[in-house]
Each structure stands twice: as C-alpha cells, then as structure tokens.
Amino acid sequence: MAIPRTDNELMVWLNNFSTSFVSHAPALGFTDADVNSVKADAAMLNFLVGDLLPTYKSALQARTSYKTLIMSGPVGSAGGDPPPPPVTAAPPAPVAPGIVPRLRQLVQRIQLAPGYTDAIGRNLGIASAEAATSDSSDAAAKPVAKTTALAGGQVQIDFTKGKYDGVLVESRRTGEQEWASLGTDNYSPFVDTRPPTEAGKAELREYRLRYIRLDEAVGEWSDIVTATTRP
C-alpha cells in the first residue's frame, strides 16, 4: 500500500477513501469519530489543494501579467484596474496537523482489523500492489476525478494515476450530446483551458476519464464529474 505523494493525487485518493470508509467502518470495528475524522481531513485537503492554492496561484499569475503590462506596455494598450482580490470558498472546520501520518496509522489499524479482506482493501485503495496487478484488474480499473473551477473559465481536473501511464480526458458542455476528447495527461492535474461558448458567461461542463497504458485506453470510464466555470 502506498498513499499518494503528490498533493493532487492524495486529495483525490482521500476523497475515495473517505467515501468508502463510511460503508466499511462498522464491519471493521471503527467508530463514528473515526469516520468523522477522515471526513474532516478530506474536507480540509480539498480546501487547501483544490481551492486555496489554485485560487492564489491563479491570482498571482494575473497580478504578474498586470505588472508586466503596466511596466512594459506596449504603449497605447488598455491597462484597466488591477485584478480584484482572490475569493475562495469558506474554509472547513480546522483539523490538527498531520493528515498523512494519521492516514498511515489508520490504514495500519484497518489492515489489522479482524474483518479486513483484500476486497475491502482494494475498495479503500489500500491493498498491496500484488493484490491488484492481474489483467482482470486492468479491465475494471477506473480513475477517480475531482473538478475545481478556476478563474477565467478554466477548470482543473485532479485524478488518480495509480500504476498507469496517464489518463484520457473527454468533456461535453450543456446541450452537447457527444463527448469531445481533450487529449491525454500523464500527471495530475489536467487543466481545461478552453474559452467559454459565450464570452463572460458561466457554463456547465462534464468530464470523464479513462486510464491509458502504452498509448492504449484500458479499464472503465470514471464517474462523470461536473464543474460550473467562473467567468
């Protein structure tokens, strides 16, 4: 078992773990307090990695571009007002430091629980690599994804990569029946930089992902995730 090391993969992995842990906790002998602790950690990681940092990173890029424009021109171009202050969602309830160490301790407790099985481990994403390397596991492999609406109509899609080379990303917008390929990505996150269909207006976008290995798609499509763009 290896808890993902990158922030974005850890965020997506913990969301899946938290959701699955709710259903398995009673049979494994864990309490509501254990479940709520995992939920709180997941909520905080979603805020930090999926909202706070991307928002301020985008804000820094906008301010850097504005500074370059004002300092270097070109002369005669429209300057306008400085970018507005960044806005994030309300932060969740605070959690104690040590989300990852807590997770490692919890995983050890789960694997030592009398009711633990490899099937539960795979569902939680904590089974050993040997338990998930068969060809049959490739057929059932399914990415887990999470979307975050960024400034300027962009959408960030964080995904779990696991043992695969990357993911294929498809999308469709309101009113579209067919899925459009946005390409592949070897490292999370993928950022959809397409301009909105109507300039200055928010729009709903759907996404689905599928694993790729040696340039071939394998496994199942992910659950559909959605995002409403920010003008």
C-alpha atoms as a PDB file:
ATOM      1  CA  MET A   1       0.000   0.000   0.000  1.00  0.00           C
ATOM      2  CA  ALA A   2       1.283   3.438  -0.910  1.00  0.00           C
ATOM      3  CA  ILE A   3      -0.545   6.637  -0.056  1.00  0.00           C
ATOM      4  CA  PRO A   4      -0.051   9.027  -3.000  1.00  0.00           C
ATOM      5  CA  ARG A   5       2.764  11.530  -2.525  1.00  0.00           C
ATOM      6  CA  THR A   6       1.648  14.403  -4.749  1.00  0.00           C
ATOM      7  CA  ASP A   7      -0.886  16.809  -3.284  1.00  0.00           C
ATOM      8  CA  ASN A   8      -3.416  16.453  -6.095  1.00  0.00           C
ATOM      9  CA  GLU A   9      -3.330  12.650  -6.229  1.00  0.00           C
ATOM     10  CA  LEU A  10      -3.550  12.486  -2.440  1.00  0.00           C
ATOM     11  CA  MET A  11      -6.620  14.748  -2.455  1.00  0.00           C
ATOM     12  CA  VAL A  12      -8.451  12.572  -4.994  1.00  0.00           C
ATOM     13  CA  TRP A  13      -7.349   9.344  -3.265  1.00  0.00           C
ATOM     14  CA  LEU A  14      -8.516  10.592   0.146  1.00  0.00           C
ATOM     15  CA  ASN A  15     -11.929  11.549  -1.243  1.00  0.00           C
ATOM     16  CA  ASN A  16     -12.399   7.984  -2.486  1.00  0.00           C
ATOM     17  CA  PHE A  17     -11.032   6.518   0.740  1.00  0.00           C
ATOM     18  CA  SER A  18     -13.317   8.704   2.870  1.00  0.00           C
ATOM     19  CA  THR A  19     -16.421   7.737   0.898  1.00  0.00           C
ATOM     20  CA  SER A  20     -15.610   4.018   1.001  1.00  0.00           C
ATOM     21  CA  PHE A  21     -14.586   4.079   4.664  1.00  0.00           C
ATOM     22  CA  VAL A  22     -18.091   5.190   5.664  1.00  0.00           C
ATOM     23  CA  SER A  23     -19.577   1.888   4.474  1.00  0.00           C
ATOM     24  CA  HIS A  24     -16.797  -0.379   5.764  1.00  0.00           C
ATOM     25  CA  ALA A  25     -16.125   1.229   9.154  1.00  0.00           C
ATOM     26  CA  PRO A  26     -18.842  -0.579  11.197  1.00  0.00           C
ATOM     27  CA  ALA A  27     -17.830  -4.060   9.995  1.00  0.00           C
ATOM     28  CA  LEU A  28     -14.183  -3.297  10.717  1.00  0.00           C
ATOM     29  CA  GLY A  29     -14.933  -2.074  14.250  1.00  0.00           C
ATOM     30  CA  PHE A  30     -14.387   1.653  13.726  1.00  0.00           C
ATOM     31  CA  THR A  31     -16.477   4.378  15.335  1.00  0.00           C
ATOM     32  CA  ASP A  32     -18.315   7.441  14.060  1.00  0.00           C
ATOM     33  CA  ALA A  33     -15.473   9.502  15.497  1.00  0.00           C
ATOM     34  CA  ASP A  34     -13.004   7.662  13.218  1.00  0.00           C
ATOM     35  CA  VAL A  35     -15.237   8.255  10.194  1.00  0.00           C
ATOM     36  CA  ASN A  36     -15.764  11.932  11.016  1.00  0.00           C
ATOM     37  CA  SER A  37     -12.035  12.462  11.473  1.00  0.00           C
ATOM     38  CA  VAL A  38     -11.358  11.133   7.965  1.00  0.00           C
ATOM     39  CA  LYS A  39     -14.163  13.286   6.545  1.00  0.00           C
ATOM     40  CA  ALA A  40     -12.724  16.386   8.236  1.00  0.00           C
ATOM     41  CA  ASP A  41      -9.233  15.671   6.904  1.00  0.00           C
ATOM     42  CA  ALA A  42     -10.619  15.156   3.392  1.00  0.00           C
ATOM     43  CA  ALA A  43     -12.583  18.409   3.558  1.00  0.00           C
ATOM     44  CA  MET A  44      -9.508  20.335   4.656  1.00  0.00           C
ATOM     45  CA  LEU A  45      -7.330  18.803   1.929  1.00  0.00           C
ATOM     46  CA  ASN A  46      -9.987  19.631  -0.675  1.00  0.00           C
ATOM     47  CA  PHE A  47      -9.954  23.244   0.508  1.00  0.00           C
ATOM     48  CA  LEU A  48      -6.170  23.605   0.638  1.00  0.00           C
ATOM     49  CA  VAL A  49      -5.236  21.747  -2.550  1.00  0.00           C
ATOM     50  CA  GLY A  50      -8.391  22.098  -4.628  1.00  0.00           C
ATOM     51  CA  ASP A  51      -9.363  25.704  -3.804  1.00  0.00           C
ATOM     52  CA  LEU A  52      -6.988  27.853  -1.749  1.00  0.00           C
ATOM     53  CA  LEU A  53      -3.698  27.144  -3.534  1.00  0.00           C
ATOM     54  CA  PRO A  54      -5.082  27.115  -7.134  1.00  0.00           C
ATOM     55  CA  THR A  55      -7.016  30.332  -6.488  1.00  0.00           C
ATOM     56  CA  TYR A  56      -3.999  32.189  -5.137  1.00  0.00           C
ATOM     57  CA  LYS A  57      -1.726  30.737  -7.815  1.00  0.00           C
ATOM     58  CA  SER A  58      -4.118  31.996 -10.489  1.00  0.00           C
ATOM     59  CA  ALA A  59      -4.309  35.359  -8.699  1.00  0.00           C
ATOM     60  CA  LEU A  60      -0.508  35.622  -8.643  1.00  0.00           C
ATOM     61  CA  GLN A  61      -0.339  34.878 -12.368  1.00  0.00           C
ATOM     62  CA  ALA A  62      -2.951  37.572 -13.077  1.00  0.00           C
ATOM     63  CA  ARG A  63      -1.066  40.128 -10.993  1.00  0.00           C
ATOM     64  CA  THR A  64       2.240  39.248 -12.614  1.00  0.00           C
ATOM     65  CA  SER A  65       0.707  39.720 -16.056  1.00  0.00           C
ATOM     66  CA  TYR A  66      -0.804  43.038 -14.995  1.00  0.00           C
ATOM     67  CA  LYS A  67       2.527  44.245 -13.590  1.00  0.00           C
ATOM     68  CA  THR A  68       4.288  43.299 -16.836  1.00  0.00           C
ATOM     69  CA  LEU A  69       1.662  45.097 -18.893  1.00  0.00           C
ATOM     70  CA  ILE A  70       1.859  48.307 -16.836  1.00  0.00           C
ATOM     71  CA  MET A  71       5.659  48.298 -16.679  1.00  0.00           C
ATOM     72  CA  SER A  72       6.490  47.210 -20.221  1.00  0.00           C
ATOM     73  CA  GLY A  73       3.467  48.065 -22.327  1.00  0.00           C
ATOM     74  CA  PRO A  74       3.097  48.078 -25.219  1.00  0.00           C
ATOM     75  CA  VAL A  75       2.366  51.808 -25.198  1.00  0.00           C
ATOM     76  CA  GLY A  76      -1.212  52.531 -26.163  1.00  0.00           C
ATOM     77  CA  SER A  77      -2.645  49.235 -24.861  1.00  0.00           C
ATOM     78  CA  ALA A  78      -5.581  49.218 -22.444  1.00  0.00           C
ATOM     79  CA  GLY A  79      -4.453  48.861 -18.830  1.00  0.00           C
ATOM     80  CA  GLY A  80      -7.551  48.873 -16.701  1.00  0.00           C
ATOM     81  CA  ASP A  81      -7.800  48.306 -12.963  1.00  0.00           C
ATOM     82  CA  PRO A  82      -5.606  45.830 -11.083  1.00  0.00           C
ATOM     83  CA  PRO A  83      -7.059  42.309 -10.714  1.00  0.00           C
ATOM     84  CA  PRO A  84      -9.602  42.013  -7.879  1.00  0.00           C
ATOM     85  CA  PRO A  85      -8.691  40.179  -4.661  1.00  0.00           C
ATOM     86  CA  PRO A  86      -8.908  36.378  -4.917  1.00  0.00           C
ATOM     87  CA  VAL A  87     -12.042  34.751  -3.484  1.00  0.00           C
ATOM     88  CA  THR A  88     -12.153  31.200  -2.111  1.00  0.00           C
ATOM     89  CA  ALA A  89     -14.877  29.093  -0.572  1.00  0.00           C
ATOM     90  CA  ALA A  90     -15.395  29.265   3.174  1.00  0.00           C
ATOM     91  CA  PRO A  91     -12.761  27.133   4.903  1.00  0.00           C
ATOM     92  CA  PRO A  92     -13.899  23.921   6.631  1.00  0.00           C
ATOM     93  CA  ALA A  93     -13.516  23.247  10.331  1.00  0.00           C
ATOM     94  CA  PRO A  94      -9.840  23.265  11.374  1.00  0.00           C
ATOM     95  CA  VAL A  95      -8.041  19.939  11.793  1.00  0.00           C
ATOM     96  CA  ALA A  96      -4.929  19.105  13.778  1.00  0.00           C
ATOM     97  CA  PRO A  97      -1.604  18.968  11.903  1.00  0.00           C
ATOM     98  CA  GLY A  98      -0.620  15.569  10.492  1.00  0.00           C
ATOM     99  CA  ILE A  99      -3.221  14.426   7.945  1.00  0.00           C
ATOM    100  CA  VAL A 100      -0.829  11.991   6.242  1.00  0.00           C
ATOM    101  CA  PRO A 101       0.618  10.450   9.451  1.00  0.00           C
ATOM    102  CA  ARG A 102      -2.947   9.980  10.730  1.00  0.00           C
ATOM    103  CA  LEU A 103      -3.854   8.233   7.493  1.00  0.00           C
ATOM    104  CA  ARG A 104      -0.895   5.863   7.738  1.00  0.00           C
ATOM    105  CA  GLN A 105      -1.838   4.932  11.307  1.00  0.00           C
ATOM    106  CA  LEU A 106      -5.479   4.416  10.319  1.00  0.00           C
ATOM    107  CA  VAL A 107      -4.542   2.210   7.355  1.00  0.00           C
ATOM    108  CA  GLN A 108      -2.445   0.009   9.641  1.00  0.00           C
ATOM    109  CA  ARG A 109      -5.384  -0.339  12.041  1.00  0.00           C
ATOM    110  CA  ILE A 110      -7.710  -1.218   9.151  1.00  0.00           C
ATOM    111  CA  GLN A 111      -5.405  -3.899   7.793  1.00  0.00           C
ATOM    112  CA  LEU A 112      -5.123  -5.470  11.257  1.00  0.00           C
ATOM    113  CA  ALA A 113      -8.894  -5.461  11.833  1.00  0.00           C
ATOM    114  CA  PRO A 114     -10.464  -8.969  12.078  1.00  0.00           C
ATOM    115  CA  GLY A 115     -12.960  -8.234   9.294  1.00  0.00           C
ATOM    116  CA  TYR A 116     -10.410  -6.909   6.804  1.00  0.00           C
ATOM    117  CA  THR A 117     -10.232  -8.577   3.368  1.00  0.00           C
ATOM    118  CA  ASP A 118      -8.338  -7.880   0.141  1.00  0.00           C
ATOM    119  CA  ALA A 119     -11.641  -6.865  -1.468  1.00  0.00           C
ATOM    120  CA  ILE A 120     -12.155  -4.197   1.199  1.00  0.00           C
ATOM    121  CA  GLY A 121      -8.547  -3.108   0.770  1.00  0.00           C
ATOM    122  CA  ARG A 122      -8.987  -2.651  -2.966  1.00  0.00           C
ATOM    123  CA  ASN A 123     -12.199  -0.709  -2.438  1.00  0.00           C
ATOM    124  CA  LEU A 124     -10.441   1.592   0.020  1.00  0.00           C
ATOM    125  CA  GLY A 125      -7.382   1.892  -2.212  1.00  0.00           C
ATOM    126  CA  ILE A 126      -5.030   0.420   0.385  1.00  0.00           C
ATOM    127  CA  ALA A 127      -4.496  -3.121  -0.944  1.00  0.00           C
ATOM    128  CA  SER A 128      -0.927  -4.148  -1.642  1.00  0.00           C
ATOM    129  CA  ALA A 129       0.321  -3.839  -5.212  1.00  0.00           C
ATOM    130  CA  GLU A 130       0.393  -7.627  -5.548  1.00  0.00           C
ATOM    131  CA  ALA A 131      -3.357  -7.749  -4.958  1.00  0.00           C
ATOM    132  CA  ALA A 132      -4.113  -5.517  -7.924  1.00  0.00           C
ATOM    133  CA  THR A 133      -1.712  -6.413 -10.719  1.00  0.00           C
ATOM    134  CA  SER A 134      -3.689  -9.032 -12.629  1.00  0.00           C
ATOM    135  CA  ASP A 135      -5.068  -8.466 -16.123  1.00  0.00           C
ATOM    136  CA  SER A 136      -8.581  -8.637 -14.712  1.00  0.00           C
ATOM    137  CA  SER A 137      -7.843  -5.615 -12.535  1.00  0.00           C
ATOM    138  CA  ASP A 138      -6.973  -3.644 -15.691  1.00  0.00           C
ATOM    139  CA  ALA A 139     -10.399  -4.392 -17.143  1.00  0.00           C
ATOM    140  CA  ALA A 140     -12.082  -2.997 -14.020  1.00  0.00           C
ATOM    141  CA  ALA A 141      -9.640  -0.108 -13.462  1.00  0.00           C
ATOM    142  CA  LYS A 142     -11.486   3.176 -13.073  1.00  0.00           C
ATOM    143  CA  PRO A 143      -9.969   6.630 -12.423  1.00  0.00           C
ATOM    144  CA  VAL A 144     -11.300   8.827  -9.632  1.00  0.00           C
ATOM    145  CA  ALA A 145     -11.519  12.513 -10.521  1.00  0.00           C
ATOM    146  CA  LYS A 146     -12.391  15.845  -8.906  1.00  0.00           C
ATOM    147  CA  THR A 147     -13.017  19.204 -10.595  1.00  0.00           C
ATOM    148  CA  THR A 148     -12.213  22.736  -9.456  1.00  0.00           C
ATOM    149  CA  ALA A 149     -13.414  25.839 -11.311  1.00  0.00           C
ATOM    150  CA  LEU A 150     -10.589  28.343 -11.735  1.00  0.00           C
ATOM    151  CA  ALA A 151     -10.644  31.986 -12.742  1.00  0.00           C
ATOM    152  CA  GLY A 152     -11.010  32.877 -16.410  1.00  0.00           C
ATOM    153  CA  GLY A 153     -13.323  30.000 -17.288  1.00  0.00           C
ATOM    154  CA  GLN A 154     -10.676  27.317 -16.729  1.00  0.00           C
ATOM    155  CA  VAL A 155     -11.383  24.011 -14.970  1.00  0.00           C
ATOM    156  CA  GLN A 156      -8.827  21.887 -13.119  1.00  0.00           C
ATOM    157  CA  ILE A 157      -9.364  18.124 -13.094  1.00  0.00           C
ATOM    158  CA  ASP A 158      -7.421  16.240 -10.425  1.00  0.00           C
ATOM    159  CA  PHE A 159      -7.194  12.483 -10.911  1.00  0.00           C
ATOM    160  CA  THR A 160      -5.670   9.315  -9.530  1.00  0.00           C
ATOM    161  CA  LYS A 161      -2.992   7.829 -11.785  1.00  0.00           C
ATOM    162  CA  GLY A 162      -2.095   4.668  -9.903  1.00  0.00           C
ATOM    163  CA  LYS A 163       0.104   2.255 -11.860  1.00  0.00           C
ATOM    164  CA  TYR A 164      -0.972   3.571 -15.263  1.00  0.00           C
ATOM    165  CA  ASP A 165       0.808   5.933 -17.664  1.00  0.00           C
ATOM    166  CA  GLY A 166      -1.877   8.600 -17.510  1.00  0.00           C
ATOM    167  CA  VAL A 167      -5.482   9.323 -18.451  1.00  0.00           C
ATOM    168  CA  LEU A 168      -7.600  10.177 -21.473  1.00  0.00           C
ATOM    169  CA  VAL A 169      -9.890  13.152 -20.810  1.00  0.00           C
ATOM    170  CA  GLU A 170     -13.226  13.782 -22.516  1.00  0.00           C
ATOM    171  CA  SER A 171     -15.758  16.548 -21.946  1.00  0.00           C
ATOM    172  CA  ARG A 172     -19.105  17.859 -23.056  1.00  0.00           C
ATOM    173  CA  ARG A 173     -20.918  21.109 -22.365  1.00  0.00           C
ATOM    174  CA  THR A 174     -24.576  21.930 -21.812  1.00  0.00           C
ATOM    175  CA  GLY A 175     -26.581  20.945 -24.866  1.00  0.00           C
ATOM    176  CA  GLU A 176     -23.881  18.698 -26.296  1.00  0.00           C
ATOM    177  CA  GLN A 177     -24.702  15.013 -26.786  1.00  0.00           C
ATOM    178  CA  GLU A 178     -21.319  13.747 -27.945  1.00  0.00           C
ATOM    179  CA  TRP A 179     -18.165  13.589 -25.833  1.00  0.00           C
ATOM    180  CA  ALA A 180     -15.190  15.596 -27.124  1.00  0.00           C
ATOM    181  CA  SER A 181     -11.631  14.430 -26.484  1.00  0.00           C
ATOM    182  CA  LEU A 182      -9.427  16.971 -24.698  1.00  0.00           C
ATOM    183  CA  GLY A 183      -6.323  14.800 -25.044  1.00  0.00           C
ATOM    184  CA  THR A 184      -4.264  12.812 -22.564  1.00  0.00           C
ATOM    185  CA  ASP A 185      -2.289  13.746 -19.478  1.00  0.00           C
ATOM    186  CA  ASN A 186       0.457  11.827 -17.699  1.00  0.00           C
ATOM    187  CA  TYR A 187       0.389  13.809 -14.475  1.00  0.00           C
ATOM    188  CA  SER A 188      -2.426  15.203 -12.350  1.00  0.00           C
ATOM    189  CA  PRO A 189      -3.926  17.777 -12.613  1.00  0.00           C
ATOM    190  CA  PHE A 190      -5.282  18.333 -16.131  1.00  0.00           C
ATOM    191  CA  VAL A 191      -6.458  21.907 -16.840  1.00  0.00           C
ATOM    192  CA  ASP A 192      -9.214  22.601 -19.370  1.00  0.00           C
ATOM    193  CA  THR A 193      -8.249  25.981 -20.853  1.00  0.00           C
ATOM    194  CA  ARG A 194     -10.999  26.227 -23.479  1.00  0.00           C
ATOM    195  CA  PRO A 195     -12.755  29.598 -23.649  1.00  0.00           C
ATOM    196  CA  PRO A 196     -16.479  29.601 -22.763  1.00  0.00           C
ATOM    197  CA  THR A 197     -19.026  29.117 -25.526  1.00  0.00           C
ATOM    198  CA  GLU A 198     -20.350  32.612 -24.728  1.00  0.00           C
ATOM    199  CA  ALA A 199     -17.735  35.086 -23.557  1.00  0.00           C
ATOM    200  CA  GLY A 200     -18.202  36.282 -19.990  1.00  0.00           C
ATOM    201  CA  LYS A 201     -20.834  33.680 -19.111  1.00  0.00           C
ATOM    202  CA  ALA A 202     -20.579  30.672 -16.790  1.00  0.00           C
ATOM    203  CA  GLU A 203     -21.277  27.260 -18.266  1.00  0.00           C
ATOM    204  CA  LEU A 204     -21.674  23.697 -17.027  1.00  0.00           C
ATOM    205  CA  ARG A 205     -19.062  21.195 -18.192  1.00  0.00           C
ATOM    206  CA  GLU A 206     -18.998  17.416 -17.731  1.00  0.00           C
ATOM    207  CA  TYR A 207     -15.842  15.311 -17.694  1.00  0.00           C
ATOM    208  CA  ARG A 208     -14.966  11.627 -17.780  1.00  0.00           C
ATOM    209  CA  LEU A 209     -11.539   9.971 -17.696  1.00  0.00           C
ATOM    210  CA  ARG A 210     -10.086   6.612 -18.692  1.00  0.00           C
ATOM    211  CA  TYR A 211      -6.680   5.147 -17.927  1.00  0.00           C
ATOM    212  CA  ILE A 212      -4.056   4.757 -20.661  1.00  0.00           C
ATOM    213  CA  ARG A 213      -1.133   2.340 -20.783  1.00  0.00           C
ATOM    214  CA  LEU A 214       1.378   2.341 -23.670  1.00  0.00           C
ATOM    215  CA  ASP A 215      -0.933   4.754 -25.546  1.00  0.00           C
ATOM    216  CA  GLU A 216      -3.881   2.343 -25.298  1.00  0.00           C
ATOM    217  CA  ALA A 217      -7.031   3.055 -23.272  1.00  0.00           C
ATOM    218  CA  VAL A 218      -7.719   0.434 -20.577  1.00  0.00           C
ATOM    219  CA  GLY A 219     -10.385  -0.129 -17.959  1.00  0.00           C
ATOM    220  CA  GLU A 220     -13.648   1.709 -17.432  1.00  0.00           C
ATOM    221  CA  TRP A 221     -14.613   5.355 -17.745  1.00  0.00           C
ATOM    222  CA  SER A 222     -14.618   7.264 -14.478  1.00  0.00           C
ATOM    223  CA  ASP A 223     -17.828   8.504 -12.938  1.00  0.00           C
ATOM    224  CA  ILE A 224     -18.880  11.754 -14.626  1.00  0.00           C
ATOM    225  CA  VAL A 225     -17.744  14.845 -12.712  1.00  0.00           C
ATOM    226  CA  THR A 226     -19.024  18.343 -13.375  1.00  0.00           C
ATOM    227  CA  ALA A 227     -17.921  21.938 -12.933  1.00  0.00           C
ATOM    228  CA  THR A 228     -19.551  25.312 -13.490  1.00  0.00           C
ATOM    229  CA  THR A 229     -16.994  27.722 -14.910  1.00  0.00           C
ATOM    230  CA  ARG A 230     -16.181  31.087 -13.355  1.00  0.00           C
ATOM    231  CA  PRO A 231     -16.236  33.972 -15.908  1.00  0.00           C
END
